[in-house]
Amino acid sequence: MNCQLCHTPNAASLKVTKKPEHNYFHCAECDLIFMEPTERLAPQFEKARYDQHENEDQAGHRAFLRPLLNEVEAFVQAEKMNLAELRLLDFGSGPSAALGKMFQEKNFNVTNYDLYYHPDQDALKRPYNIVTSTEVWEHLYNPREDIERMVRLTKKGGLLAVMTSGHKGGGVFADWYYRRDEAHVAFYSEKTMNWIARKFELKLIKAQSPYWLFKRI
């Protein structure tokens, strides 16, 4: 099986027999772990899973997102970016677009995009100073294509801010809570994030799972 991120052939089979049972592959080159494509949820079932999330704009979820918002604000201040001219895209915003609302409350100019809930293709036709993507990368069926798109949407000198929990290796993967969500199909480590930075001419300026910040150089 070719790796879905770096395309290196012969990713190692990683069979998980603990429930939910699934077959995965683990790439030695970029350290991506990904689910056997034939075992992934069909789009209609994946969306039904997301529709069950009813608390996306409640206090607990906002508290979960706030550290990333704080990191973005710190970057804007450190880079002396003009907030009035800054454009931010939340890629994979979800039904409530909670993170976008939080940024709007801080006077950011926000565009929301989501495959299911905010599918405005025009949002993907212009560049942004900041692109955020929270709890999205683990759902990507085509991580190479989607990450490359997010990088293209990020202006040079801009920020790509990501939230996804990093895996700790194949030896503990079966017992990891994060992989038990059957809508989670792609898993990254710090090694993976460094590979992404090298491949797409980014600088990984924060690597503290689940928060990953890339500056486009």
N, C-alpha and C. Protein backbone atom coordinates (compact mmCIF):
# COMPACT_ATOMS: atom_id res chain seq x y z
N MET A 1 0.85 -1.20 0.00
CA MET A 1 0.00 0.00 0.00
C MET A 1 0.89 1.25 0.00
N ASN A 2 0.64 2.15 -0.95
CA ASN A 2 1.37 3.41 -0.97
C ASN A 2 0.86 4.33 0.14
N CYS A 3 1.78 5.06 0.76
CA CYS A 3 1.39 6.00 1.80
C CYS A 3 0.51 7.09 1.22
N GLN A 4 -0.55 7.44 1.92
CA GLN A 4 -1.48 8.45 1.42
C GLN A 4 -0.94 9.87 1.57
N LEU A 5 0.16 10.03 2.28
CA LEU A 5 0.75 11.36 2.44
C LEU A 5 2.00 11.52 1.59
N CYS A 6 2.99 10.68 1.79
CA CYS A 6 4.27 10.85 1.08
C CYS A 6 4.39 9.97 -0.16
N HIS A 7 3.44 9.06 -0.35
CA HIS A 7 3.37 8.17 -1.52
C HIS A 7 4.48 7.13 -1.55
N THR A 8 5.21 6.97 -0.45
CA THR A 8 6.21 5.91 -0.38
C THR A 8 5.51 4.55 -0.45
N PRO A 9 6.02 3.62 -1.28
CA PRO A 9 5.35 2.32 -1.39
C PRO A 9 5.60 1.43 -0.17
N ASN A 10 4.78 0.41 -0.06
CA ASN A 10 4.96 -0.66 0.92
C ASN A 10 4.87 -0.19 2.37
N ALA A 11 3.87 0.64 2.66
CA ALA A 11 3.61 0.97 4.06
C ALA A 11 3.25 -0.31 4.80
N ALA A 12 3.75 -0.44 6.03
CA ALA A 12 3.58 -1.69 6.78
C ALA A 12 2.15 -1.87 7.26
N SER A 13 1.67 -3.10 7.17
CA SER A 13 0.33 -3.42 7.66
C SER A 13 0.30 -3.32 9.18
N LEU A 14 -0.78 -2.75 9.71
CA LEU A 14 -0.97 -2.60 11.15
C LEU A 14 -2.41 -3.00 11.47
N LYS A 15 -2.59 -4.26 11.83
CA LYS A 15 -3.94 -4.78 12.07
C LYS A 15 -4.30 -4.58 13.54
N VAL A 16 -5.47 -4.00 13.79
CA VAL A 16 -5.95 -3.80 15.15
C VAL A 16 -7.14 -4.73 15.37
N THR A 17 -7.00 -5.63 16.33
CA THR A 17 -8.07 -6.58 16.61
C THR A 17 -8.95 -6.14 17.77
N LYS A 18 -8.52 -5.13 18.50
CA LYS A 18 -9.38 -4.58 19.55
C LYS A 18 -10.48 -3.75 18.92
N LYS A 19 -11.64 -3.75 19.55
CA LYS A 19 -12.76 -3.01 18.99
C LYS A 19 -12.52 -1.51 19.08
N PRO A 20 -12.90 -0.77 18.02
CA PRO A 20 -13.38 -1.28 16.73
C PRO A 20 -12.23 -1.83 15.90
N GLU A 21 -12.40 -3.03 15.40
CA GLU A 21 -11.35 -3.69 14.61
C GLU A 21 -11.21 -3.01 13.26
N HIS A 22 -9.96 -2.75 12.88
CA HIS A 22 -9.69 -2.17 11.57
C HIS A 22 -8.29 -2.53 11.13
N ASN A 23 -8.08 -2.46 9.85
CA ASN A 23 -6.74 -2.60 9.28
C ASN A 23 -6.19 -1.21 8.97
N TYR A 24 -4.95 -1.00 9.35
CA TYR A 24 -4.28 0.26 9.11
C TYR A 24 -2.94 -0.01 8.43
N PHE A 25 -2.30 1.06 8.00
CA PHE A 25 -0.96 0.99 7.45
C PHE A 25 -0.11 2.07 8.13
N HIS A 26 1.17 1.75 8.33
CA HIS A 26 2.09 2.66 9.02
C HIS A 26 3.28 2.90 8.10
N CYS A 27 3.49 4.15 7.73
CA CYS A 27 4.55 4.51 6.79
C CYS A 27 5.86 4.76 7.55
N ALA A 28 6.91 4.07 7.13
CA ALA A 28 8.22 4.25 7.77
C ALA A 28 8.86 5.57 7.39
N GLU A 29 8.49 6.13 6.25
CA GLU A 29 9.12 7.36 5.77
C GLU A 29 8.60 8.59 6.51
N CYS A 30 7.28 8.79 6.53
CA CYS A 30 6.71 10.00 7.13
C CYS A 30 5.97 9.74 8.44
N ASP A 31 5.84 8.49 8.83
CA ASP A 31 5.23 8.08 10.11
C ASP A 31 3.71 8.22 10.13
N LEU A 32 3.09 8.46 9.01
CA LEU A 32 1.63 8.50 8.97
C LEU A 32 1.06 7.11 9.22
N ILE A 33 0.01 7.04 10.01
CA ILE A 33 -0.80 5.83 10.16
C ILE A 33 -2.16 6.12 9.53
N PHE A 34 -2.60 5.25 8.64
CA PHE A 34 -3.88 5.51 7.97
C PHE A 34 -4.68 4.23 7.83
N MET A 35 -6.00 4.40 7.86
CA MET A 35 -6.92 3.27 7.79
C MET A 35 -6.99 2.70 6.37
N GLU A 36 -7.16 1.40 6.28
CA GLU A 36 -7.43 0.75 5.00
C GLU A 36 -8.60 1.46 4.33
N PRO A 37 -8.40 2.00 3.12
CA PRO A 37 -9.45 2.82 2.49
C PRO A 37 -10.80 2.13 2.36
N THR A 38 -10.83 0.83 2.14
CA THR A 38 -12.11 0.15 1.96
C THR A 38 -12.90 0.04 3.27
N GLU A 39 -12.28 0.36 4.40
CA GLU A 39 -12.96 0.25 5.69
C GLU A 39 -13.44 1.60 6.22
N ARG A 40 -13.19 2.65 5.48
CA ARG A 40 -13.62 3.98 5.93
C ARG A 40 -15.13 4.13 5.78
N LEU A 41 -15.70 5.02 6.59
CA LEU A 41 -17.13 5.29 6.50
C LEU A 41 -17.47 5.90 5.15
N ALA A 42 -18.60 5.52 4.60
CA ALA A 42 -19.11 6.18 3.40
C ALA A 42 -19.49 7.61 3.77
N PRO A 43 -19.42 8.55 2.81
CA PRO A 43 -19.67 9.96 3.13
C PRO A 43 -20.97 10.22 3.88
N GLN A 44 -22.06 9.53 3.50
CA GLN A 44 -23.34 9.79 4.16
C GLN A 44 -23.31 9.37 5.63
N PHE A 45 -22.56 8.32 5.94
CA PHE A 45 -22.45 7.88 7.34
C PHE A 45 -21.48 8.77 8.12
N GLU A 46 -20.47 9.25 7.42
CA GLU A 46 -19.54 10.18 8.05
C GLU A 46 -20.28 11.46 8.45
N LYS A 47 -21.08 12.00 7.54
CA LYS A 47 -21.83 13.21 7.85
C LYS A 47 -22.82 12.97 8.98
N ALA A 48 -23.47 11.81 8.97
CA ALA A 48 -24.42 11.49 10.05
C ALA A 48 -23.71 11.50 11.39
N ARG A 49 -22.46 11.06 11.39
CA ARG A 49 -21.66 11.08 12.62
C ARG A 49 -21.44 12.52 13.09
N TYR A 50 -21.11 13.41 12.15
CA TYR A 50 -20.89 14.82 12.51
C TYR A 50 -22.18 15.48 12.97
N ASP A 51 -23.30 15.07 12.38
CA ASP A 51 -24.58 15.68 12.74
C ASP A 51 -24.94 15.42 14.21
N GLN A 52 -24.33 14.42 14.80
CA GLN A 52 -24.61 14.09 16.19
C GLN A 52 -23.92 15.04 17.16
N HIS A 53 -22.97 15.83 16.67
CA HIS A 53 -22.22 16.75 17.53
C HIS A 53 -23.08 17.97 17.80
N GLU A 54 -23.62 18.06 18.99
CA GLU A 54 -24.57 19.13 19.31
C GLU A 54 -23.98 20.23 20.19
N ASN A 55 -22.72 20.08 20.63
CA ASN A 55 -22.18 21.01 21.61
C ASN A 55 -21.00 21.81 21.07
N GLU A 56 -20.93 21.95 19.75
CA GLU A 56 -19.73 22.54 19.17
C GLU A 56 -19.52 24.00 19.55
N ASP A 57 -20.57 24.73 19.90
CA ASP A 57 -20.39 26.13 20.27
C ASP A 57 -20.72 26.34 21.74
N GLN A 58 -20.52 25.32 22.54
CA GLN A 58 -20.75 25.45 23.97
C GLN A 58 -19.42 25.72 24.69
N ALA A 59 -19.52 26.02 25.98
CA ALA A 59 -18.36 26.50 26.74
C ALA A 59 -17.20 25.51 26.72
N GLY A 60 -17.48 24.22 26.88
CA GLY A 60 -16.41 23.23 26.91
C GLY A 60 -15.64 23.18 25.61
N HIS A 61 -16.37 23.24 24.50
CA HIS A 61 -15.71 23.19 23.20
C HIS A 61 -14.91 24.46 22.95
N ARG A 62 -15.43 25.59 23.38
CA ARG A 62 -14.69 26.85 23.24
C ARG A 62 -13.39 26.81 24.05
N ALA A 63 -13.46 26.25 25.24
CA ALA A 63 -12.26 26.13 26.06
C ALA A 63 -11.22 25.24 25.38
N PHE A 64 -11.69 24.21 24.69
CA PHE A 64 -10.82 23.29 23.95
C PHE A 64 -10.11 24.02 22.81
N LEU A 65 -10.82 24.94 22.16
CA LEU A 65 -10.27 25.65 21.01
C LEU A 65 -9.43 26.87 21.40
N ARG A 66 -9.66 27.40 22.58
CA ARG A 66 -9.05 28.68 22.95
C ARG A 66 -7.52 28.69 22.88
N PRO A 67 -6.81 27.63 23.29
CA PRO A 67 -5.35 27.67 23.18
C PRO A 67 -4.86 27.95 21.76
N LEU A 68 -5.55 27.38 20.76
CA LEU A 68 -5.14 27.64 19.38
C LEU A 68 -5.41 29.10 19.01
N LEU A 69 -6.57 29.62 19.42
CA LEU A 69 -6.88 31.03 19.18
C LEU A 69 -5.80 31.92 19.80
N ASN A 70 -5.39 31.60 21.02
CA ASN A 70 -4.36 32.38 21.69
C ASN A 70 -3.04 32.33 20.93
N GLU A 71 -2.70 31.16 20.39
CA GLU A 71 -1.47 31.02 19.61
C GLU A 71 -1.52 31.89 18.35
N VAL A 72 -2.67 31.89 17.71
CA VAL A 72 -2.83 32.69 16.49
C VAL A 72 -2.70 34.18 16.83
N GLU A 73 -3.35 34.62 17.90
CA GLU A 73 -3.23 36.02 18.31
C GLU A 73 -1.79 36.39 18.61
N ALA A 74 -1.05 35.50 19.27
CA ALA A 74 0.35 35.77 19.59
C ALA A 74 1.18 35.89 18.32
N PHE A 75 0.88 35.05 17.33
CA PHE A 75 1.60 35.11 16.05
C PHE A 75 1.33 36.44 15.35
N VAL A 76 0.07 36.85 15.32
CA VAL A 76 -0.30 38.11 14.68
C VAL A 76 0.44 39.28 15.33
N GLN A 77 0.52 39.27 16.64
CA GLN A 77 1.21 40.34 17.35
C GLN A 77 2.71 40.31 17.09
N ALA A 78 3.31 39.11 17.13
CA ALA A 78 4.75 38.97 16.93
C ALA A 78 5.16 39.37 15.52
N GLU A 79 4.29 39.08 14.55
CA GLU A 79 4.60 39.40 13.15
C GLU A 79 4.16 40.81 12.78
N LYS A 80 3.56 41.51 13.75
CA LYS A 80 3.08 42.89 13.53
C LYS A 80 2.14 42.97 12.33
N MET A 81 1.23 42.00 12.26
CA MET A 81 0.25 41.95 11.17
C MET A 81 -0.88 42.93 11.46
N ASN A 82 -1.38 43.56 10.42
CA ASN A 82 -2.48 44.52 10.53
C ASN A 82 -3.80 43.76 10.55
N LEU A 83 -4.46 43.76 11.69
CA LEU A 83 -5.68 42.98 11.85
C LEU A 83 -6.75 43.42 10.87
N ALA A 84 -6.81 44.69 10.53
CA ALA A 84 -7.84 45.20 9.62
C ALA A 84 -7.66 44.64 8.21
N GLU A 85 -6.44 44.28 7.85
CA GLU A 85 -6.17 43.78 6.50
C GLU A 85 -6.04 42.27 6.45
N LEU A 86 -6.08 41.65 7.59
CA LEU A 86 -5.84 40.21 7.70
C LEU A 86 -7.09 39.42 7.32
N ARG A 87 -6.88 38.33 6.60
CA ARG A 87 -7.97 37.43 6.23
C ARG A 87 -7.67 36.04 6.78
N LEU A 88 -8.68 35.43 7.43
CA LEU A 88 -8.51 34.11 8.05
C LEU A 88 -9.53 33.14 7.47
N LEU A 89 -9.07 31.95 7.15
CA LEU A 89 -9.94 30.87 6.69
C LEU A 89 -9.96 29.76 7.73
N ASP A 90 -11.15 29.35 8.16
CA ASP A 90 -11.27 28.16 8.99
C ASP A 90 -11.69 27.01 8.08
N PHE A 91 -10.77 26.12 7.80
CA PHE A 91 -10.96 25.01 6.87
C PHE A 91 -11.48 23.81 7.66
N GLY A 92 -12.72 23.43 7.38
CA GLY A 92 -13.36 22.35 8.12
C GLY A 92 -14.03 22.88 9.37
N SER A 93 -14.85 23.89 9.18
CA SER A 93 -15.39 24.67 10.31
C SER A 93 -16.46 23.95 11.10
N GLY A 94 -17.06 22.90 10.53
CA GLY A 94 -18.14 22.20 11.23
C GLY A 94 -19.45 22.97 11.15
N PRO A 95 -20.53 22.40 11.65
CA PRO A 95 -21.85 23.02 11.49
C PRO A 95 -22.02 24.34 12.23
N SER A 96 -21.38 24.48 13.39
CA SER A 96 -21.57 25.70 14.18
C SER A 96 -20.53 26.77 13.90
N ALA A 97 -19.44 26.39 13.20
CA ALA A 97 -18.35 27.33 12.94
C ALA A 97 -17.91 28.04 14.22
N ALA A 98 -17.75 27.27 15.28
CA ALA A 98 -17.46 27.84 16.60
C ALA A 98 -16.16 28.62 16.62
N LEU A 99 -15.10 28.06 16.02
CA LEU A 99 -13.82 28.77 16.04
C LEU A 99 -13.91 30.07 15.27
N GLY A 100 -14.59 30.05 14.13
CA GLY A 100 -14.77 31.28 13.36
C GLY A 100 -15.48 32.35 14.17
N LYS A 101 -16.49 31.95 14.92
CA LYS A 101 -17.21 32.91 15.77
C LYS A 101 -16.29 33.50 16.83
N MET A 102 -15.43 32.67 17.40
CA MET A 102 -14.50 33.15 18.42
C MET A 102 -13.53 34.17 17.83
N PHE A 103 -13.07 33.91 16.62
CA PHE A 103 -12.17 34.87 15.97
C PHE A 103 -12.92 36.16 15.60
N GLN A 104 -14.15 36.02 15.14
CA GLN A 104 -14.94 37.21 14.81
C GLN A 104 -15.15 38.09 16.04
N GLU A 105 -15.31 37.46 17.18
CA GLU A 105 -15.44 38.22 18.43
C GLU A 105 -14.18 38.99 18.76
N LYS A 106 -13.04 38.57 18.16
CA LYS A 106 -11.77 39.27 18.33
C LYS A 106 -11.48 40.20 17.16
N ASN A 107 -12.51 40.43 16.32
CA ASN A 107 -12.44 41.36 15.18
C ASN A 107 -11.58 40.86 14.02
N PHE A 108 -11.46 39.53 13.88
CA PHE A 108 -10.82 38.96 12.71
C PHE A 108 -11.83 38.88 11.56
N ASN A 109 -11.33 39.04 10.35
CA ASN A 109 -12.14 38.85 9.14
C ASN A 109 -12.09 37.36 8.79
N VAL A 110 -13.19 36.66 8.98
CA VAL A 110 -13.20 35.20 8.93
C VAL A 110 -14.05 34.69 7.77
N THR A 111 -13.52 33.68 7.08
CA THR A 111 -14.28 32.91 6.10
C THR A 111 -14.32 31.47 6.58
N ASN A 112 -15.49 30.86 6.58
CA ASN A 112 -15.64 29.46 6.99
C ASN A 112 -15.82 28.58 5.76
N TYR A 113 -15.12 27.44 5.78
CA TYR A 113 -15.32 26.45 4.73
C TYR A 113 -15.45 25.08 5.38
N ASP A 114 -16.43 24.31 4.91
CA ASP A 114 -16.60 22.94 5.37
C ASP A 114 -17.22 22.12 4.24
N LEU A 115 -16.70 20.94 4.03
CA LEU A 115 -17.16 20.09 2.94
C LEU A 115 -18.66 19.85 3.01
N TYR A 116 -19.21 19.71 4.23
CA TYR A 116 -20.62 19.38 4.39
C TYR A 116 -21.49 20.58 4.77
N TYR A 117 -20.97 21.48 5.59
CA TYR A 117 -21.82 22.52 6.19
C TYR A 117 -21.61 23.92 5.61
N HIS A 118 -20.44 24.19 5.07
CA HIS A 118 -20.17 25.49 4.45
C HIS A 118 -19.38 25.24 3.16
N PRO A 119 -20.02 24.60 2.17
CA PRO A 119 -19.29 24.12 0.99
C PRO A 119 -19.11 25.17 -0.11
N ASP A 120 -18.79 26.39 0.28
CA ASP A 120 -18.61 27.47 -0.69
C ASP A 120 -17.25 27.34 -1.36
N GLN A 121 -17.24 26.89 -2.61
CA GLN A 121 -15.98 26.69 -3.31
C GLN A 121 -15.24 27.99 -3.58
N ASP A 122 -15.96 29.11 -3.61
CA ASP A 122 -15.30 30.40 -3.82
C ASP A 122 -14.34 30.71 -2.67
N ALA A 123 -14.61 30.16 -1.50
CA ALA A 123 -13.72 30.39 -0.36
C ALA A 123 -12.34 29.81 -0.59
N LEU A 124 -12.23 28.85 -1.51
CA LEU A 124 -10.97 28.17 -1.77
C LEU A 124 -10.24 28.76 -2.98
N LYS A 125 -10.70 29.92 -3.44
CA LYS A 125 -10.11 30.52 -4.63
C LYS A 125 -9.27 31.76 -4.33
N ARG A 126 -9.07 32.08 -3.06
CA ARG A 126 -8.28 33.25 -2.70
C ARG A 126 -7.36 32.91 -1.54
N PRO A 127 -6.23 33.61 -1.41
CA PRO A 127 -5.28 33.30 -0.34
C PRO A 127 -5.64 34.00 0.96
N TYR A 128 -5.08 33.47 2.05
CA TYR A 128 -5.37 33.98 3.38
C TYR A 128 -4.06 34.17 4.16
N ASN A 129 -4.08 35.11 5.08
CA ASN A 129 -2.93 35.30 5.97
C ASN A 129 -2.82 34.17 6.98
N ILE A 130 -3.99 33.65 7.38
CA ILE A 130 -4.04 32.58 8.37
C ILE A 130 -5.07 31.55 7.92
N VAL A 131 -4.69 30.28 7.99
CA VAL A 131 -5.61 29.17 7.76
C VAL A 131 -5.62 28.31 9.01
N THR A 132 -6.79 28.09 9.57
CA THR A 132 -6.92 27.20 10.72
C THR A 132 -7.65 25.93 10.30
N SER A 133 -7.33 24.84 10.97
CA SER A 133 -7.97 23.55 10.67
C SER A 133 -7.96 22.73 11.94
N THR A 134 -9.09 22.72 12.65
CA THR A 134 -9.14 22.09 13.96
C THR A 134 -9.97 20.82 13.93
N GLU A 135 -9.35 19.73 14.42
CA GLU A 135 -10.01 18.42 14.45
C GLU A 135 -10.53 18.05 13.06
N VAL A 136 -9.68 18.25 12.07
CA VAL A 136 -10.01 17.97 10.68
C VAL A 136 -9.04 16.97 10.07
N TRP A 137 -7.75 17.12 10.33
CA TRP A 137 -6.76 16.33 9.61
C TRP A 137 -6.92 14.84 9.84
N GLU A 138 -7.44 14.44 10.99
CA GLU A 138 -7.64 13.01 11.25
C GLU A 138 -8.77 12.43 10.41
N HIS A 139 -9.57 13.30 9.79
CA HIS A 139 -10.69 12.86 8.95
C HIS A 139 -10.34 12.82 7.46
N LEU A 140 -9.15 13.26 7.09
CA LEU A 140 -8.83 13.45 5.67
C LEU A 140 -8.64 12.12 4.95
N TYR A 141 -9.47 11.89 3.94
CA TYR A 141 -9.33 10.70 3.11
C TYR A 141 -8.17 10.84 2.13
N ASN A 142 -7.85 12.07 1.77
CA ASN A 142 -6.75 12.35 0.85
C ASN A 142 -5.82 13.39 1.48
N PRO A 143 -5.06 13.00 2.51
CA PRO A 143 -4.29 14.00 3.26
C PRO A 143 -3.28 14.76 2.41
N ARG A 144 -2.63 14.10 1.45
CA ARG A 144 -1.65 14.81 0.62
C ARG A 144 -2.32 15.95 -0.13
N GLU A 145 -3.42 15.66 -0.78
CA GLU A 145 -4.14 16.65 -1.59
C GLU A 145 -4.70 17.77 -0.73
N ASP A 146 -5.31 17.42 0.39
CA ASP A 146 -5.97 18.43 1.22
C ASP A 146 -4.97 19.32 1.95
N ILE A 147 -3.88 18.74 2.45
CA ILE A 147 -2.87 19.55 3.12
C ILE A 147 -2.19 20.47 2.11
N GLU A 148 -1.91 19.95 0.93
CA GLU A 148 -1.30 20.78 -0.12
C GLU A 148 -2.22 21.96 -0.45
N ARG A 149 -3.51 21.73 -0.48
CA ARG A 149 -4.47 22.80 -0.75
C ARG A 149 -4.42 23.85 0.36
N MET A 150 -4.38 23.41 1.61
CA MET A 150 -4.32 24.37 2.72
C MET A 150 -3.05 25.20 2.67
N VAL A 151 -1.95 24.57 2.29
CA VAL A 151 -0.70 25.32 2.16
C VAL A 151 -0.81 26.36 1.07
N ARG A 152 -1.38 25.98 -0.07
CA ARG A 152 -1.54 26.94 -1.17
C ARG A 152 -2.42 28.12 -0.76
N LEU A 153 -3.40 27.86 0.09
CA LEU A 153 -4.30 28.92 0.53
C LEU A 153 -3.66 29.86 1.55
N THR A 154 -2.53 29.46 2.09
CA THR A 154 -1.82 30.26 3.09
C THR A 154 -0.78 31.14 2.39
N LYS A 155 -0.87 32.43 2.58
CA LYS A 155 0.09 33.34 1.97
C LYS A 155 1.49 33.10 2.54
N LYS A 156 2.51 33.42 1.76
CA LYS A 156 3.88 33.35 2.27
C LYS A 156 4.02 34.30 3.45
N GLY A 157 4.64 33.81 4.51
CA GLY A 157 4.73 34.56 5.74
C GLY A 157 3.54 34.37 6.64
N GLY A 158 2.53 33.67 6.14
CA GLY A 158 1.31 33.44 6.90
C GLY A 158 1.39 32.19 7.76
N LEU A 159 0.28 31.90 8.43
CA LEU A 159 0.24 30.83 9.42
C LEU A 159 -0.80 29.78 9.05
N LEU A 160 -0.39 28.51 9.14
CA LEU A 160 -1.31 27.37 9.05
C LEU A 160 -1.36 26.77 10.45
N ALA A 161 -2.51 26.87 11.11
CA ALA A 161 -2.66 26.45 12.51
C ALA A 161 -3.58 25.24 12.57
N VAL A 162 -3.09 24.15 13.12
CA VAL A 162 -3.78 22.86 13.05
C VAL A 162 -3.97 22.28 14.45
N MET A 163 -5.11 21.64 14.65
CA MET A 163 -5.34 20.84 15.85
C MET A 163 -5.67 19.42 15.45
N THR A 164 -4.83 18.48 15.87
CA THR A 164 -5.10 17.06 15.74
C THR A 164 -4.17 16.35 16.70
N SER A 165 -4.63 15.32 17.38
CA SER A 165 -3.79 14.64 18.36
C SER A 165 -2.74 13.78 17.67
N GLY A 166 -1.50 13.87 18.14
CA GLY A 166 -0.40 13.11 17.56
C GLY A 166 -0.31 11.70 18.12
N HIS A 167 -0.01 10.74 17.24
CA HIS A 167 0.13 9.36 17.71
C HIS A 167 1.52 9.12 18.32
N LYS A 168 1.61 8.08 19.12
CA LYS A 168 2.84 7.74 19.83
C LYS A 168 3.50 6.48 19.31
N GLY A 169 3.12 6.07 18.10
CA GLY A 169 3.74 4.90 17.50
C GLY A 169 2.79 3.72 17.41
N GLY A 170 3.16 2.77 16.55
CA GLY A 170 2.31 1.62 16.30
C GLY A 170 2.13 0.72 17.51
N GLY A 171 3.10 0.70 18.42
CA GLY A 171 3.03 -0.21 19.55
C GLY A 171 1.91 0.06 20.52
N VAL A 172 1.49 1.32 20.61
CA VAL A 172 0.41 1.69 21.54
C VAL A 172 -0.84 2.16 20.79
N PHE A 173 -0.82 2.05 19.48
CA PHE A 173 -1.90 2.60 18.66
C PHE A 173 -3.24 1.93 18.95
N ALA A 174 -3.26 0.63 19.13
CA ALA A 174 -4.52 -0.12 19.30
C ALA A 174 -5.30 0.37 20.52
N ASP A 175 -4.60 0.80 21.57
CA ASP A 175 -5.25 1.21 22.81
C ASP A 175 -5.51 2.72 22.87
N TRP A 176 -5.16 3.44 21.84
CA TRP A 176 -5.27 4.90 21.85
C TRP A 176 -6.73 5.31 21.64
N TYR A 177 -7.23 6.15 22.52
CA TYR A 177 -8.65 6.55 22.45
C TYR A 177 -8.98 7.23 21.13
N TYR A 178 -8.03 7.95 20.58
CA TYR A 178 -8.30 8.79 19.41
C TYR A 178 -8.63 7.96 18.18
N ARG A 179 -8.06 6.79 18.08
CA ARG A 179 -8.30 5.97 16.89
C ARG A 179 -9.64 5.25 16.98
N ARG A 180 -10.29 5.26 18.17
CA ARG A 180 -11.54 4.52 18.33
C ARG A 180 -12.71 5.21 17.65
N ASP A 181 -12.58 6.47 17.35
CA ASP A 181 -13.60 7.15 16.55
C ASP A 181 -13.45 6.68 15.11
N GLU A 182 -14.46 6.00 14.60
CA GLU A 182 -14.32 5.38 13.29
C GLU A 182 -14.33 6.37 12.14
N ALA A 183 -14.59 7.64 12.45
CA ALA A 183 -14.45 8.68 11.42
C ALA A 183 -13.01 9.18 11.34
N HIS A 184 -12.16 8.74 12.27
CA HIS A 184 -10.75 9.13 12.24
C HIS A 184 -9.98 8.12 11.40
N VAL A 185 -9.37 8.60 10.33
CA VAL A 185 -8.75 7.68 9.37
C VAL A 185 -7.28 7.97 9.10
N ALA A 186 -6.75 9.09 9.59
CA ALA A 186 -5.36 9.46 9.35
C ALA A 186 -4.77 10.03 10.63
N PHE A 187 -3.56 9.56 10.97
CA PHE A 187 -2.96 9.92 12.25
C PHE A 187 -1.50 10.33 12.04
N TYR A 188 -1.13 11.42 12.67
CA TYR A 188 0.16 12.06 12.44
C TYR A 188 0.96 12.08 13.73
N SER A 189 2.26 12.15 13.61
CA SER A 189 3.14 12.30 14.76
C SER A 189 3.98 13.55 14.54
N GLU A 190 4.83 13.87 15.50
CA GLU A 190 5.74 15.01 15.30
C GLU A 190 6.65 14.76 14.10
N LYS A 191 7.06 13.51 13.91
CA LYS A 191 7.87 13.18 12.72
C LYS A 191 7.09 13.49 11.44
N THR A 192 5.82 13.14 11.43
CA THR A 192 4.97 13.42 10.26
C THR A 192 4.90 14.92 10.01
N MET A 193 4.69 15.69 11.08
CA MET A 193 4.56 17.13 10.92
C MET A 193 5.86 17.75 10.42
N ASN A 194 6.99 17.21 10.85
CA ASN A 194 8.27 17.70 10.33
C ASN A 194 8.44 17.34 8.86
N TRP A 195 7.95 16.16 8.47
CA TRP A 195 8.00 15.79 7.05
C TRP A 195 7.15 16.76 6.23
N ILE A 196 5.96 17.08 6.72
CA ILE A 196 5.08 18.03 6.04
C ILE A 196 5.76 19.38 5.90
N ALA A 197 6.42 19.84 6.96
CA ALA A 197 7.11 21.13 6.91
C ALA A 197 8.19 21.13 5.84
N ARG A 198 8.98 20.08 5.78
CA ARG A 198 10.04 20.00 4.76
C ARG A 198 9.46 19.94 3.35
N LYS A 199 8.43 19.15 3.18
CA LYS A 199 7.86 18.93 1.84
C LYS A 199 7.23 20.20 1.29
N PHE A 200 6.54 20.95 2.12
CA PHE A 200 5.74 22.07 1.63
C PHE A 200 6.34 23.44 1.96
N GLU A 201 7.63 23.45 2.32
CA GLU A 201 8.34 24.70 2.57
C GLU A 201 7.65 25.51 3.68
N LEU A 202 7.50 24.84 4.80
CA LEU A 202 6.92 25.44 5.98
C LEU A 202 7.94 25.38 7.11
N LYS A 203 7.74 26.20 8.11
CA LYS A 203 8.53 26.12 9.33
C LYS A 203 7.60 25.71 10.46
N LEU A 204 7.89 24.59 11.09
CA LEU A 204 7.07 24.11 12.19
C LEU A 204 7.48 24.89 13.44
N ILE A 205 6.64 25.85 13.84
CA ILE A 205 7.02 26.73 14.94
C ILE A 205 6.39 26.31 16.27
N LYS A 206 5.46 25.39 16.24
CA LYS A 206 4.93 24.80 17.47
C LYS A 206 4.57 23.35 17.20
N ALA A 207 5.06 22.48 18.05
CA ALA A 207 4.77 21.05 17.93
C ALA A 207 4.47 20.53 19.33
N GLN A 208 3.27 20.76 19.78
CA GLN A 208 2.83 20.32 21.10
C GLN A 208 1.42 19.76 20.94
N SER A 209 1.35 18.47 20.66
CA SER A 209 0.06 17.82 20.39
C SER A 209 -0.98 18.22 21.44
N PRO A 210 -2.18 18.61 20.99
CA PRO A 210 -2.72 18.56 19.62
C PRO A 210 -2.53 19.83 18.81
N TYR A 211 -1.62 20.72 19.22
CA TYR A 211 -1.47 22.02 18.55
C TYR A 211 -0.21 22.01 17.69
N TRP A 212 -0.38 22.35 16.41
CA TRP A 212 0.71 22.36 15.45
C TRP A 212 0.62 23.66 14.64
N LEU A 213 1.66 24.45 14.66
CA LEU A 213 1.66 25.72 13.94
C LEU A 213 2.77 25.71 12.89
N PHE A 214 2.39 26.03 11.66
CA PHE A 214 3.34 26.10 10.55
C PHE A 214 3.35 27.53 9.99
N LYS A 215 4.54 28.07 9.82
CA LYS A 215 4.67 29.34 9.11
C LYS A 215 5.11 29.05 7.69
N ARG A 216 4.42 29.62 6.72
CA ARG A 216 4.82 29.41 5.33
C ARG A 216 5.98 30.32 5.00
N ILE A 217 7.05 29.75 4.47
CA ILE A 217 8.26 30.51 4.21
C ILE A 217 8.54 30.62 2.72
